[in-house]
Amino acid sequence: MSNDLGEVIIERTRNGPYLKVSAIHVATGKEVSAMGSVHGPTAVERVAVAKLRRALGLAS
């Protein structure tokens, strides 16, 4: 992940045609998730990381 975030754990859970990606910031324990198509896992991961950045006040 991006250096300014520090350590981030990414968890992917498939439910039929959907993919839930959770992003957990290790230092704070803050967790966010995003849902999307199982056919676009990197896009769903990017959304989850962007949501985490906003939740931590790091959005630019």
PDB file of N, CA and C in Angstrom:
ATOM      1  N   MET A   1       0.828  -1.182   0.000  1.00  0.00           N
ATOM      2  CA  MET A   1       0.000   0.000   0.000  1.00  0.00           C
ATOM      3  C   MET A   1       0.871   1.244   0.000  1.00  0.00           C
ATOM      4  N   SER A   2       0.223   2.378  -0.079  1.00  0.00           N
ATOM      5  CA  SER A   2       0.928   3.646  -0.122  1.00  0.00           C
ATOM      6  C   SER A   2       1.712   3.898   1.159  1.00  0.00           C
ATOM      7  N   ASN A   3       2.925   4.463   1.027  1.00  0.00           N
ATOM      8  CA  ASN A   3       3.797   4.679   2.174  1.00  0.00           C
ATOM      9  C   ASN A   3       3.193   5.599   3.221  1.00  0.00           C
ATOM     10  N   ASP A   4       2.399   6.592   2.818  1.00  0.00           N
ATOM     11  CA  ASP A   4       1.842   7.517   3.784  1.00  0.00           C
ATOM     12  C   ASP A   4       0.753   6.896   4.654  1.00  0.00           C
ATOM     13  N   LEU A   5       0.240   5.739   4.273  1.00  0.00           N
ATOM     14  CA  LEU A   5      -0.760   5.045   5.075  1.00  0.00           C
ATOM     15  C   LEU A   5      -0.134   4.180   6.164  1.00  0.00           C
ATOM     16  N   GLY A   6       1.072   3.726   5.942  1.00  0.00           N
ATOM     17  CA  GLY A   6       1.655   2.758   6.859  1.00  0.00           C
ATOM     18  C   GLY A   6       1.159   1.364   6.488  1.00  0.00           C
ATOM     19  N   GLU A   7       1.107   0.488   7.469  1.00  0.00           N
ATOM     20  CA  GLU A   7       0.706  -0.896   7.199  1.00  0.00           C
ATOM     21  C   GLU A   7      -0.813  -1.016   7.123  1.00  0.00           C
ATOM     22  N   VAL A   8      -1.278  -1.665   6.049  1.00  0.00           N
ATOM     23  CA  VAL A   8      -2.707  -1.867   5.822  1.00  0.00           C
ATOM     24  C   VAL A   8      -2.943  -3.339   5.508  1.00  0.00           C
ATOM     25  N   ILE A   9      -3.926  -3.917   6.162  1.00  0.00           N
ATOM     26  CA  ILE A   9      -4.315  -5.304   5.894  1.00  0.00           C
ATOM     27  C   ILE A   9      -5.511  -5.261   4.943  1.00  0.00           C
ATOM     28  N   ILE A  10      -5.446  -6.042   3.876  1.00  0.00           N
ATOM     29  CA  ILE A  10      -6.534  -6.137   2.905  1.00  0.00           C
ATOM     30  C   ILE A  10      -7.143  -7.529   3.024  1.00  0.00           C
ATOM     31  N   GLU A  11      -8.463  -7.574   3.169  1.00  0.00           N
ATOM     32  CA  GLU A  11      -9.173  -8.860   3.271  1.00  0.00           C
ATOM     33  C   GLU A  11     -10.244  -8.903   2.190  1.00  0.00           C
ATOM     34  N   ARG A  12     -10.261  -9.982   1.426  1.00  0.00           N
ATOM     35  CA  ARG A  12     -11.244 -10.151   0.356  1.00  0.00           C
ATOM     36  C   ARG A  12     -12.180 -11.301   0.709  1.00  0.00           C
ATOM     37  N   THR A  13     -13.489 -11.062   0.554  1.00  0.00           N
ATOM     38  CA  THR A  13     -14.491 -12.081   0.820  1.00  0.00           C
ATOM     39  C   THR A  13     -15.445 -12.143  -0.364  1.00  0.00           C
ATOM     40  N   ARG A  14     -15.550 -13.331  -0.968  1.00  0.00           N
ATOM     41  CA  ARG A  14     -16.434 -13.496  -2.110  1.00  0.00           C
ATOM     42  C   ARG A  14     -17.781 -14.022  -1.647  1.00  0.00           C
ATOM     43  N   ASN A  15     -18.836 -13.434  -2.232  1.00  0.00           N
ATOM     44  CA  ASN A  15     -20.195 -13.893  -1.969  1.00  0.00           C
ATOM     45  C   ASN A  15     -20.910 -13.933  -3.317  1.00  0.00           C
ATOM     46  N   GLY A  16     -20.841 -15.081  -3.972  1.00  0.00           N
ATOM     47  CA  GLY A  16     -21.426 -15.218  -5.305  1.00  0.00           C
ATOM     48  C   GLY A  16     -20.720 -14.294  -6.284  1.00  0.00           C
ATOM     49  N   PRO A  17     -21.490 -13.430  -6.964  1.00  0.00           N
ATOM     50  CA  PRO A  17     -20.888 -12.537  -7.955  1.00  0.00           C
ATOM     51  C   PRO A  17     -20.291 -11.266  -7.345  1.00  0.00           C
ATOM     52  N   TYR A  18     -20.364 -11.140  -6.025  1.00  0.00           N
ATOM     53  CA  TYR A  18     -19.886  -9.935  -5.347  1.00  0.00           C
ATOM     54  C   TYR A  18     -18.609 -10.194  -4.573  1.00  0.00           C
ATOM     55  N   LEU A  19     -17.834  -9.133  -4.425  1.00  0.00           N
ATOM     56  CA  LEU A  19     -16.598  -9.195  -3.663  1.00  0.00           C
ATOM     57  C   LEU A  19     -16.625  -8.073  -2.633  1.00  0.00           C
ATOM     58  N   LYS A  20     -16.381  -8.420  -1.393  1.00  0.00           N
ATOM     59  CA  LYS A  20     -16.257  -7.411  -0.338  1.00  0.00           C
ATOM     60  C   LYS A  20     -14.776  -7.313  -0.001  1.00  0.00           C
ATOM     61  N   VAL A  21     -14.240  -6.099  -0.047  1.00  0.00           N
ATOM     62  CA  VAL A  21     -12.847  -5.871   0.303  1.00  0.00           C
ATOM     63  C   VAL A  21     -12.826  -4.980   1.536  1.00  0.00           C
ATOM     64  N   SER A  22     -12.188  -5.457   2.595  1.00  0.00           N
ATOM     65  CA  SER A  22     -12.003  -4.669   3.808  1.00  0.00           C
ATOM     66  C   SER A  22     -10.558  -4.219   3.865  1.00  0.00           C
ATOM     67  N   ALA A  23     -10.356  -2.972   4.277  1.00  0.00           N
ATOM     68  CA  ALA A  23      -9.015  -2.414   4.451  1.00  0.00           C
ATOM     69  C   ALA A  23      -8.905  -1.988   5.909  1.00  0.00           C
ATOM     70  N   ILE A  24      -7.914  -2.522   6.604  1.00  0.00           N
ATOM     71  CA  ILE A  24      -7.722  -2.245   8.026  1.00  0.00           C
ATOM     72  C   ILE A  24      -6.379  -1.549   8.221  1.00  0.00           C
ATOM     73  N   HIS A  25      -6.404  -0.384   8.845  1.00  0.00           N
ATOM     74  CA  HIS A  25      -5.180   0.364   9.146  1.00  0.00           C
ATOM     75  C   HIS A  25      -4.629  -0.197  10.453  1.00  0.00           C
ATOM     76  N   VAL A  26      -3.461  -0.796  10.398  1.00  0.00           N
ATOM     77  CA  VAL A  26      -2.901  -1.514  11.539  1.00  0.00           C
ATOM     78  C   VAL A  26      -2.659  -0.592  12.736  1.00  0.00           C
ATOM     79  N   ALA A  27      -2.128   0.587  12.500  1.00  0.00           N
ATOM     80  CA  ALA A  27      -1.766   1.480  13.603  1.00  0.00           C
ATOM     81  C   ALA A  27      -2.971   1.975  14.391  1.00  0.00           C
ATOM     82  N   THR A  28      -4.103   2.180  13.720  1.00  0.00           N
ATOM     83  CA  THR A  28      -5.278   2.734  14.404  1.00  0.00           C
ATOM     84  C   THR A  28      -6.406   1.727  14.604  1.00  0.00           C
ATOM     85  N   GLY A  29      -6.398   0.644  13.839  1.00  0.00           N
ATOM     86  CA  GLY A  29      -7.486  -0.325  13.918  1.00  0.00           C
ATOM     87  C   GLY A  29      -8.708   0.101  13.123  1.00  0.00           C
ATOM     88  N   LYS A  30      -8.638   1.238  12.418  1.00  0.00           N
ATOM     89  CA  LYS A  30      -9.758   1.728  11.617  1.00  0.00           C
ATOM     90  C   LYS A  30      -9.985   0.769  10.454  1.00  0.00           C
ATOM     91  N   GLU A  31     -11.249   0.412  10.217  1.00  0.00           N
ATOM     92  CA  GLU A  31     -11.587  -0.528   9.149  1.00  0.00           C
ATOM     93  C   GLU A  31     -12.699   0.040   8.286  1.00  0.00           C
ATOM     94  N   VAL A  32     -12.541  -0.102   6.986  1.00  0.00           N
ATOM     95  CA  VAL A  32     -13.577   0.283   6.023  1.00  0.00           C
ATOM     96  C   VAL A  32     -13.725  -0.862   5.038  1.00  0.00           C
ATOM     97  N   SER A  33     -14.844  -0.868   4.312  1.00  0.00           N
ATOM     98  CA  SER A  33     -15.027  -1.915   3.316  1.00  0.00           C
ATOM     99  C   SER A  33     -15.712  -1.344   2.082  1.00  0.00           C
ATOM    100  N   ALA A  34     -15.564  -2.075   0.991  1.00  0.00           N
ATOM    101  CA  ALA A  34     -16.185  -1.711  -0.279  1.00  0.00           C
ATOM    102  C   ALA A  34     -16.695  -2.991  -0.928  1.00  0.00           C
ATOM    103  N   MET A  35     -17.798  -2.868  -1.651  1.00  0.00           N
ATOM    104  CA  MET A  35     -18.376  -4.004  -2.361  1.00  0.00           C
ATOM    105  C   MET A  35     -18.330  -3.728  -3.856  1.00  0.00           C
ATOM    106  N   GLY A  36     -18.150  -4.788  -4.627  1.00  0.00           N
ATOM    107  CA  GLY A  36     -18.146  -4.649  -6.077  1.00  0.00           C
ATOM    108  C   GLY A  36     -18.181  -6.001  -6.748  1.00  0.00           C
ATOM    109  N   SER A  37     -17.967  -5.990  -8.030  1.00  0.00           N
ATOM    110  CA  SER A  37     -17.995  -7.206  -8.829  1.00  0.00           C
ATOM    111  C   SER A  37     -16.760  -8.066  -8.556  1.00  0.00           C
ATOM    112  N   VAL A  38     -16.963  -9.362  -8.526  1.00  0.00           N
ATOM    113  CA  VAL A  38     -15.857 -10.293  -8.352  1.00  0.00           C
ATOM    114  C   VAL A  38     -14.913 -10.231  -9.553  1.00  0.00           C
ATOM    115  N   HIS A  39     -15.380  -9.675 -10.670  1.00  0.00           N
ATOM    116  CA  HIS A  39     -14.562  -9.584 -11.878  1.00  0.00           C
ATOM    117  C   HIS A  39     -13.632  -8.378 -11.884  1.00  0.00           C
ATOM    118  N   GLY A  40     -13.753  -7.516 -10.878  1.00  0.00           N
ATOM    119  CA  GLY A  40     -12.887  -6.335 -10.807  1.00  0.00           C
ATOM    120  C   GLY A  40     -12.262  -6.176  -9.431  1.00  0.00           C
ATOM    121  N   PRO A  41     -11.501  -7.178  -8.973  1.00  0.00           N
ATOM    122  CA  PRO A  41     -10.986  -7.127  -7.599  1.00  0.00           C
ATOM    123  C   PRO A  41     -10.040  -5.960  -7.328  1.00  0.00           C
ATOM    124  N   THR A  42      -9.231  -5.573  -8.300  1.00  0.00           N
ATOM    125  CA  THR A  42      -8.305  -4.465  -8.042  1.00  0.00           C
ATOM    126  C   THR A  42      -9.054  -3.140  -7.939  1.00  0.00           C
ATOM    127  N   ALA A  43     -10.130  -2.987  -8.696  1.00  0.00           N
ATOM    128  CA  ALA A  43     -10.936  -1.768  -8.607  1.00  0.00           C
ATOM    129  C   ALA A  43     -11.605  -1.669  -7.244  1.00  0.00           C
ATOM    130  N   VAL A  44     -12.127  -2.772  -6.749  1.00  0.00           N
ATOM    131  CA  VAL A  44     -12.777  -2.764  -5.435  1.00  0.00           C
ATOM    132  C   VAL A  44     -11.741  -2.478  -4.348  1.00  0.00           C
ATOM    133  N   GLU A  45     -10.548  -3.024  -4.494  1.00  0.00           N
ATOM    134  CA  GLU A  45      -9.484  -2.763  -3.525  1.00  0.00           C
ATOM    135  C   GLU A  45      -9.089  -1.283  -3.530  1.00  0.00           C
ATOM    136  N   ARG A  46      -8.997  -0.689  -4.720  1.00  0.00           N
ATOM    137  CA  ARG A  46      -8.668   0.747  -4.797  1.00  0.00           C
ATOM    138  C   ARG A  46      -9.722   1.596  -4.091  1.00  0.00           C
ATOM    139  N   VAL A  47     -10.989   1.233  -4.254  1.00  0.00           N
ATOM    140  CA  VAL A  47     -12.070   1.967  -3.594  1.00  0.00           C
ATOM    141  C   VAL A  47     -11.948   1.831  -2.077  1.00  0.00           C
ATOM    142  N   ALA A  48     -11.672   0.623  -1.590  1.00  0.00           N
ATOM    143  CA  ALA A  48     -11.537   0.403  -0.150  1.00  0.00           C
ATOM    144  C   ALA A  48     -10.375   1.219   0.421  1.00  0.00           C
ATOM    145  N   VAL A  49      -9.252   1.249  -0.275  1.00  0.00           N
ATOM    146  CA  VAL A  49      -8.097   2.014   0.206  1.00  0.00           C
ATOM    147  C   VAL A  49      -8.396   3.507   0.166  1.00  0.00           C
ATOM    148  N   ALA A  50      -9.098   3.963  -0.857  1.00  0.00           N
ATOM    149  CA  ALA A  50      -9.477   5.380  -0.934  1.00  0.00           C
ATOM    150  C   ALA A  50     -10.406   5.746   0.224  1.00  0.00           C
ATOM    151  N   LYS A  51     -11.349   4.855   0.542  1.00  0.00           N
ATOM    152  CA  LYS A  51     -12.244   5.100   1.679  1.00  0.00           C
ATOM    153  C   LYS A  51     -11.458   5.146   2.986  1.00  0.00           C
ATOM    154  N   LEU A  52     -10.455   4.283   3.117  1.00  0.00           N
ATOM    155  CA  LEU A  52      -9.626   4.280   4.324  1.00  0.00           C
ATOM    156  C   LEU A  52      -8.852   5.585   4.431  1.00  0.00           C
ATOM    157  N   ARG A  53      -8.299   6.045   3.324  1.00  0.00           N
ATOM    158  CA  ARG A  53      -7.571   7.327   3.330  1.00  0.00           C
ATOM    159  C   ARG A  53      -8.487   8.463   3.792  1.00  0.00           C
ATOM    160  N   ARG A  54      -9.737   8.480   3.287  1.00  0.00           N
ATOM    161  CA  ARG A  54     -10.680   9.523   3.713  1.00  0.00           C
ATOM    162  C   ARG A  54     -11.015   9.379   5.194  1.00  0.00           C
ATOM    163  N   ALA A  55     -11.212   8.156   5.646  1.00  0.00           N
ATOM    164  CA  ALA A  55     -11.543   7.929   7.057  1.00  0.00           C
ATOM    165  C   ALA A  55     -10.424   8.369   7.990  1.00  0.00           C
ATOM    166  N   LEU A  56      -9.201   8.288   7.511  1.00  0.00           N
ATOM    167  CA  LEU A  56      -8.045   8.692   8.319  1.00  0.00           C
ATOM    168  C   LEU A  56      -7.684  10.167   8.133  1.00  0.00           C
ATOM    169  N   GLY A  57      -8.410  10.859   7.258  1.00  0.00           N
ATOM    170  CA  GLY A  57      -8.142  12.270   7.004  1.00  0.00           C
ATOM    171  C   GLY A  57      -6.943  12.506   6.118  1.00  0.00           C
ATOM    172  N   LEU A  58      -6.592  11.531   5.287  1.00  0.00           N
ATOM    173  CA  LEU A  58      -5.421  11.639   4.412  1.00  0.00           C
ATOM    174  C   LEU A  58      -5.795  11.883   2.963  1.00  0.00           C
ATOM    175  N   ALA A  59      -7.081  12.050   2.681  1.00  0.00           N
ATOM    176  CA  ALA A  59      -7.505  12.245   1.290  1.00  0.00           C
ATOM    177  C   ALA A  59      -6.957  13.556   0.757  1.00  0.00           C
ATOM    178  N   SER A  60      -6.547  13.516  -0.498  1.00  0.00           N
ATOM    179  CA  SER A  60      -6.011  14.746  -1.100  1.00  0.00           C
ATOM    180  C   SER A  60      -6.951  15.308  -2.125  1.00  0.00           C
TER     181      SER A  60
END
